[in-house]
Amino acid sequence: MDAKKIDKIATVIFYAISAFIVALLGAFIIYILYKGGSMLKPSFLFGNPKLTGTGGGIAPQLFNSFYMLVVSLIITVPIGVGAGIYLAEYAKQGPLLNFIRMSLETMSSLPSIVIGMFGLLVFVNMANWGYSILAGALSVSILNIPSMTRISESAIIAASKRVKEASLGLGATKWQTISKLTVPTAMGEILTGIILAAGRIFGEAAAFLYTAGLSSKNLNFNEISLSGSRSAFSLFRPAETLAVHIWKLNSEGIVPDAAQIANGTAAVLIIAVLLFNIGARLLGNKLMKSYSGK
């Protein structure tokens, strides 16, 4: 068999694998929307369960999920990108670098429930924060920082090959090259890491069970405070996310229509992840066009 036939066969196989992955994702999304689509009503999305009755309202969980996402990304992205810059541009080969890489690989392979137990011990009990948004955000950040670091490092190394020597040759300093050229050029790949981190935050349940809690109080938007116990924006209040809400409904079944609410919540969760991914991609493309001058 000649090389051209082998190339055609390999191309067909890879296209078939790609089509299978897309079809599998499409079937998964369609099934979830089919099971929970009937629950997608304004009263379900924006209603308070205490006001809308037995099958009502995931507004507190929906807000908690997005708020947890924002707080977690504020922690994860600067540390992950900063660590990636250090490993790609400043770290020297040696025992210290090998130890850092081994630590990152070990952290990335830890089960989320172990991180949840760690968060319960350190953030909830030792720090005396109780079940809170901050405890949950720090715990899930421990899960996301290793992958964010490795993705950022790979992206910055690839970007440096294209622009680093030219920038330094024109007289720019190392930091100017990193901040003005390398990081913006690598923004597309870094954005991929942010999207992966966001998906894990949205879908995480085990870590939040032990750190963020299983209950959500009535949200008070009139008081804006990061430390008060009554404000919806407080970092020290318990926050039941959408994923935890699904687990709670399926495990406890505390309401007669728990299955329907869980299906509707799953549909909302998958739609939220899709919208975030699409929005992040559009923003990333816009940033890339602005940086490239197009």
Protein backbone atom coordinates (compact mmCIF):
# COMPACT_ATOMS: atom_id res chain seq x y z
CA MET A 1 0.00 0.00 0.00
CA ASP A 2 1.48 3.32 -1.08
CA ALA A 3 1.80 6.41 1.04
CA LYS A 4 -1.13 8.26 -0.60
CA LYS A 5 -3.61 5.48 0.25
CA ILE A 6 -2.33 5.31 3.81
CA ASP A 7 -2.73 9.07 4.11
CA LYS A 8 -6.33 8.93 2.81
CA ILE A 9 -7.23 6.10 5.18
CA ALA A 10 -5.73 7.95 8.14
CA THR A 11 -7.59 11.12 7.15
CA VAL A 12 -10.91 9.26 6.97
CA ILE A 13 -10.28 7.65 10.37
CA PHE A 14 -9.47 10.95 12.05
CA TYR A 15 -12.50 12.64 10.49
CA ALA A 16 -14.67 9.76 11.72
CA ILE A 17 -13.29 10.12 15.25
CA SER A 18 -13.97 13.87 15.19
CA ALA A 19 -17.52 13.32 13.90
CA PHE A 20 -18.14 10.72 16.62
CA ILE A 21 -16.99 13.13 19.35
CA VAL A 22 -19.22 15.91 18.01
CA ALA A 23 -22.18 13.53 17.67
CA LEU A 24 -21.64 12.22 21.20
CA LEU A 25 -21.60 15.77 22.60
CA GLY A 26 -24.68 16.68 20.56
CA ALA A 27 -26.58 13.62 21.75
CA PHE A 28 -25.63 14.36 25.34
CA ILE A 29 -26.85 17.96 25.11
CA ILE A 30 -30.07 16.97 23.30
CA TYR A 31 -30.86 14.31 25.91
CA ILE A 32 -30.38 16.71 28.82
CA LEU A 33 -32.46 19.42 27.14
CA TYR A 34 -35.16 16.87 26.30
CA LYS A 35 -35.38 15.70 29.91
CA GLY A 36 -35.27 19.14 31.49
CA GLY A 37 -36.44 21.51 28.77
CA SER A 38 -40.01 21.63 30.05
CA MET A 39 -38.76 23.23 33.30
CA LEU A 40 -37.07 26.16 31.56
CA LYS A 41 -39.56 28.84 32.53
CA PRO A 42 -39.00 32.29 34.06
CA SER A 43 -40.60 31.15 37.32
CA PHE A 44 -38.11 28.28 37.53
CA LEU A 45 -35.04 30.26 36.51
CA PHE A 46 -35.62 33.43 38.49
CA GLY A 47 -38.02 32.34 41.21
CA ASN A 48 -37.24 31.70 44.84
CA PRO A 49 -38.25 28.15 45.86
CA LYS A 50 -39.82 29.47 49.06
CA LEU A 51 -42.08 31.73 47.01
CA THR A 52 -42.88 29.61 43.96
CA GLY A 53 -43.97 26.43 45.68
CA THR A 54 -42.89 22.81 45.55
CA GLY A 55 -41.20 22.79 42.16
CA GLY A 56 -40.06 26.29 42.15
CA GLY A 57 -37.07 28.35 41.61
CA ILE A 58 -33.33 27.93 41.29
CA ALA A 59 -32.51 31.66 41.38
CA PRO A 60 -30.29 31.39 44.51
CA GLN A 61 -28.36 28.42 43.09
CA LEU A 62 -27.99 30.12 39.70
CA PHE A 63 -26.58 33.28 41.25
CA ASN A 64 -24.33 31.26 43.56
CA SER A 65 -22.86 29.34 40.62
CA PHE A 66 -21.97 32.48 38.67
CA TYR A 67 -20.68 34.25 41.76
CA MET A 68 -18.55 31.22 42.66
CA LEU A 69 -17.27 31.19 39.08
CA VAL A 70 -16.18 34.83 39.25
CA VAL A 71 -14.50 34.51 42.66
CA SER A 72 -12.72 31.27 41.68
CA LEU A 73 -11.42 32.69 38.39
CA ILE A 74 -10.17 35.81 40.18
CA ILE A 75 -8.03 33.46 42.29
CA THR A 76 -7.11 30.91 39.62
CA VAL A 77 -6.24 33.00 36.57
CA PRO A 78 -3.60 35.38 38.04
CA ILE A 79 -1.85 32.56 39.92
CA GLY A 80 -2.04 30.09 37.02
CA VAL A 81 -0.89 32.56 34.36
CA GLY A 82 1.79 33.98 36.68
CA ALA A 83 3.12 30.51 37.41
CA GLY A 84 3.07 29.71 33.70
CA ILE A 85 5.11 32.85 32.95
CA TYR A 86 7.61 31.94 35.66
CA LEU A 87 8.05 28.38 34.41
CA ALA A 88 8.32 29.42 30.76
CA GLU A 89 10.51 32.54 31.06
CA TYR A 90 12.29 32.68 34.40
CA ALA A 91 12.72 29.19 35.87
CA LYS A 92 16.05 27.49 35.32
CA GLN A 93 16.48 23.80 34.79
CA GLY A 94 17.33 22.04 38.03
CA PRO A 95 15.95 20.30 41.11
CA LEU A 96 13.64 23.20 42.02
CA LEU A 97 11.95 23.23 38.61
CA ASN A 98 11.58 19.45 38.65
CA PHE A 99 10.02 19.61 42.12
CA ILE A 100 7.55 22.30 40.97
CA ARG A 101 6.53 20.24 37.95
CA MET A 102 6.10 17.12 40.07
CA SER A 103 3.96 19.09 42.54
CA LEU A 104 1.76 20.39 39.73
CA GLU A 105 1.29 16.92 38.29
CA THR A 106 0.44 15.52 41.71
CA MET A 107 -2.07 18.27 42.43
CA SER A 108 -3.76 17.86 39.04
CA SER A 109 -4.35 14.16 39.71
CA LEU A 110 -5.90 14.58 43.15
CA PRO A 111 -9.59 13.56 43.39
CA SER A 112 -11.91 16.48 43.98
CA ILE A 113 -13.36 14.89 47.09
CA VAL A 114 -9.88 14.87 48.66
CA ILE A 115 -9.58 18.58 47.93
CA GLY A 116 -13.01 19.02 49.48
CA MET A 117 -11.88 17.29 52.66
CA PHE A 118 -8.74 19.44 52.70
CA GLY A 119 -10.87 22.56 52.30
CA LEU A 120 -13.14 21.40 55.10
CA LEU A 121 -10.17 20.92 57.42
CA VAL A 122 -8.21 24.07 56.54
CA PHE A 123 -10.64 26.71 55.28
CA VAL A 124 -13.85 25.74 57.04
CA ASN A 125 -12.51 24.57 60.42
CA MET A 126 -8.96 25.87 60.95
CA ALA A 127 -9.54 29.28 59.34
CA ASN A 128 -12.97 29.33 61.00
CA TRP A 129 -14.69 30.62 57.84
CA GLY A 130 -17.43 28.02 58.04
CA TYR A 131 -19.25 26.83 54.93
CA SER A 132 -18.67 29.78 52.64
CA ILE A 133 -18.10 30.96 49.10
CA LEU A 134 -14.47 31.81 49.85
CA ALA A 135 -13.76 28.32 51.19
CA GLY A 136 -15.33 26.75 48.10
CA ALA A 137 -13.55 29.09 45.70
CA LEU A 138 -10.14 28.42 47.25
CA SER A 139 -10.74 24.68 47.20
CA VAL A 140 -11.74 24.52 43.54
CA SER A 141 -8.84 26.85 42.70
CA ILE A 142 -6.48 24.20 44.03
CA LEU A 143 -7.96 21.85 41.43
CA ASN A 144 -7.69 24.34 38.57
CA ILE A 145 -4.35 26.05 39.17
CA PRO A 146 -2.17 23.08 38.00
CA SER A 147 -3.94 22.74 34.64
CA MET A 148 -4.09 26.53 34.21
CA THR A 149 -0.35 26.71 34.88
CA ARG A 150 0.58 23.98 32.39
CA ILE A 151 -1.64 25.41 29.65
CA SER A 152 -0.26 28.92 30.20
CA GLU A 153 3.31 27.65 30.22
CA SER A 154 2.87 25.76 26.93
CA ALA A 155 1.12 28.73 25.31
CA ILE A 156 3.80 31.20 26.40
CA ILE A 157 6.63 28.95 25.25
CA ALA A 158 4.99 28.57 21.82
CA ALA A 159 4.34 32.32 21.58
CA SER A 160 7.90 33.19 22.65
CA LYS A 161 9.33 31.31 19.71
CA ARG A 162 7.53 33.68 17.33
CA VAL A 163 8.05 37.08 18.95
CA LYS A 164 10.67 36.92 21.70
CA GLU A 165 13.86 37.28 19.68
CA ALA A 166 12.41 39.99 17.43
CA SER A 167 11.22 42.03 20.42
CA LEU A 168 14.48 41.75 22.32
CA GLY A 169 16.39 42.53 19.15
CA LEU A 170 14.48 45.82 18.83
CA GLY A 171 15.57 46.84 22.34
CA ALA A 172 12.55 45.88 24.44
CA THR A 173 13.12 44.61 27.97
CA LYS A 174 12.18 41.10 28.99
CA TRP A 175 9.12 42.25 30.92
CA GLN A 176 7.97 44.48 28.05
CA THR A 177 8.25 41.53 25.72
CA ILE A 178 6.24 39.30 28.06
CA SER A 179 3.50 41.82 28.88
CA LYS A 180 3.13 43.48 25.48
CA LEU A 181 3.78 40.62 23.07
CA THR A 182 4.14 37.15 24.53
CA VAL A 183 1.05 37.03 26.75
CA PRO A 184 -1.27 38.73 24.21
CA THR A 185 -0.04 36.37 21.50
CA ALA A 186 -0.70 33.39 23.77
CA MET A 187 -4.11 34.71 24.83
CA GLY A 188 -6.03 32.25 22.65
CA GLU A 189 -4.49 29.21 24.34
CA ILE A 190 -4.70 30.84 27.78
CA LEU A 191 -8.39 31.45 27.15
CA THR A 192 -8.79 27.73 26.50
CA GLY A 193 -7.40 27.08 29.97
CA ILE A 194 -9.82 29.60 31.47
CA ILE A 195 -12.74 27.89 29.73
CA LEU A 196 -11.65 24.49 31.05
CA ALA A 197 -11.34 25.94 34.55
CA ALA A 198 -14.77 27.54 34.28
CA GLY A 199 -16.34 24.27 33.18
CA ARG A 200 -14.87 22.51 36.17
CA ILE A 201 -16.13 25.22 38.51
CA PHE A 202 -19.64 24.97 37.07
CA GLY A 203 -19.73 21.20 37.25
CA GLU A 204 -17.90 20.64 40.53
CA ALA A 205 -19.95 19.16 43.34
CA ALA A 206 -17.71 17.08 45.60
CA ALA A 207 -15.42 19.93 46.66
CA PHE A 208 -18.33 22.30 47.24
CA LEU A 209 -20.22 19.78 49.36
CA TYR A 210 -17.60 20.06 52.09
CA THR A 211 -16.72 23.74 51.74
CA ALA A 212 -19.58 25.84 50.35
CA GLY A 213 -22.44 24.03 52.04
CA LEU A 214 -25.82 22.62 51.05
CA SER A 215 -28.10 25.51 51.89
CA SER A 216 -28.71 28.94 50.47
CA LYS A 217 -30.30 31.74 52.42
CA ASN A 218 -32.55 34.34 50.87
CA LEU A 219 -30.26 36.59 48.86
CA ASN A 220 -30.19 40.22 49.93
CA PHE A 221 -28.99 42.42 47.07
CA ASN A 222 -29.75 45.65 48.87
CA GLU A 223 -26.68 45.32 51.08
CA ILE A 224 -23.35 45.19 49.24
CA SER A 225 -20.70 43.71 51.51
CA LEU A 226 -17.98 41.11 51.05
CA SER A 227 -17.82 40.18 54.72
CA GLY A 228 -21.34 40.61 56.08
CA SER A 229 -23.50 37.57 56.73
CA ARG A 230 -26.65 38.98 55.13
CA SER A 231 -25.39 40.32 51.80
CA ALA A 232 -25.73 38.21 48.65
CA PHE A 233 -22.18 39.28 47.74
CA SER A 234 -20.65 38.16 51.03
CA LEU A 235 -17.74 35.73 50.71
CA PHE A 236 -18.48 34.22 54.10
CA ARG A 237 -21.99 32.86 53.56
CA PRO A 238 -22.95 29.33 52.50
CA ALA A 239 -23.72 28.94 48.81
CA GLU A 240 -25.39 25.94 47.20
CA THR A 241 -24.41 25.80 43.51
CA LEU A 242 -26.34 24.22 40.65
CA ALA A 243 -24.25 21.03 40.65
CA VAL A 244 -24.63 20.61 44.41
CA HIS A 245 -28.36 21.30 44.05
CA ILE A 246 -28.66 18.44 41.55
CA TRP A 247 -26.82 16.10 43.91
CA LYS A 248 -28.99 17.17 46.82
CA LEU A 249 -32.23 16.59 44.92
CA ASN A 250 -31.18 13.17 43.62
CA SER A 251 -29.82 11.99 46.96
CA GLU A 252 -32.38 13.40 49.38
CA GLY A 253 -35.49 13.80 47.24
CA ILE A 254 -36.89 16.32 49.68
CA VAL A 255 -39.68 17.50 47.34
CA PRO A 256 -42.20 15.41 45.34
CA ASP A 257 -40.97 16.65 41.95
CA ALA A 258 -37.26 16.39 42.80
CA ALA A 259 -36.47 14.48 39.59
CA GLN A 260 -38.06 17.15 37.39
CA ILE A 261 -36.24 19.95 39.23
CA ALA A 262 -32.93 18.07 38.94
CA ASN A 263 -33.47 17.58 35.19
CA GLY A 264 -34.32 21.25 34.76
CA THR A 265 -31.29 22.29 36.79
CA ALA A 266 -29.05 20.06 34.65
CA ALA A 267 -30.44 21.70 31.51
CA VAL A 268 -29.74 25.16 32.93
CA LEU A 269 -26.23 24.06 33.89
CA ILE A 270 -25.37 22.76 30.41
CA ILE A 271 -26.81 25.88 28.76
CA ALA A 272 -24.82 28.13 31.10
CA VAL A 273 -21.60 26.27 30.25
CA LEU A 274 -22.31 26.52 26.51
CA LEU A 275 -23.09 30.23 26.72
CA PHE A 276 -19.94 30.88 28.73
CA ASN A 277 -17.80 28.94 26.25
CA ILE A 278 -19.29 30.75 23.26
CA GLY A 279 -18.95 34.14 24.95
CA ALA A 280 -15.35 33.42 25.94
CA ARG A 281 -14.49 32.36 22.38
CA LEU A 282 -16.03 35.50 20.90
CA LEU A 283 -14.18 37.65 23.40
CA GLY A 284 -10.95 35.78 22.69
CA ASN A 285 -11.31 36.28 18.93
CA LYS A 286 -11.97 39.97 19.47
CA LEU A 287 -8.89 40.30 21.66
CA MET A 288 -6.75 38.46 19.13
CA LYS A 289 -7.94 40.76 16.34
CA SER A 290 -7.19 43.84 18.42
CA TYR A 291 -3.70 42.61 19.32
CA SER A 292 -2.89 41.60 15.74
CA GLY A 293 -4.13 44.91 14.35
CA LYS A 294 -6.83 43.39 12.14
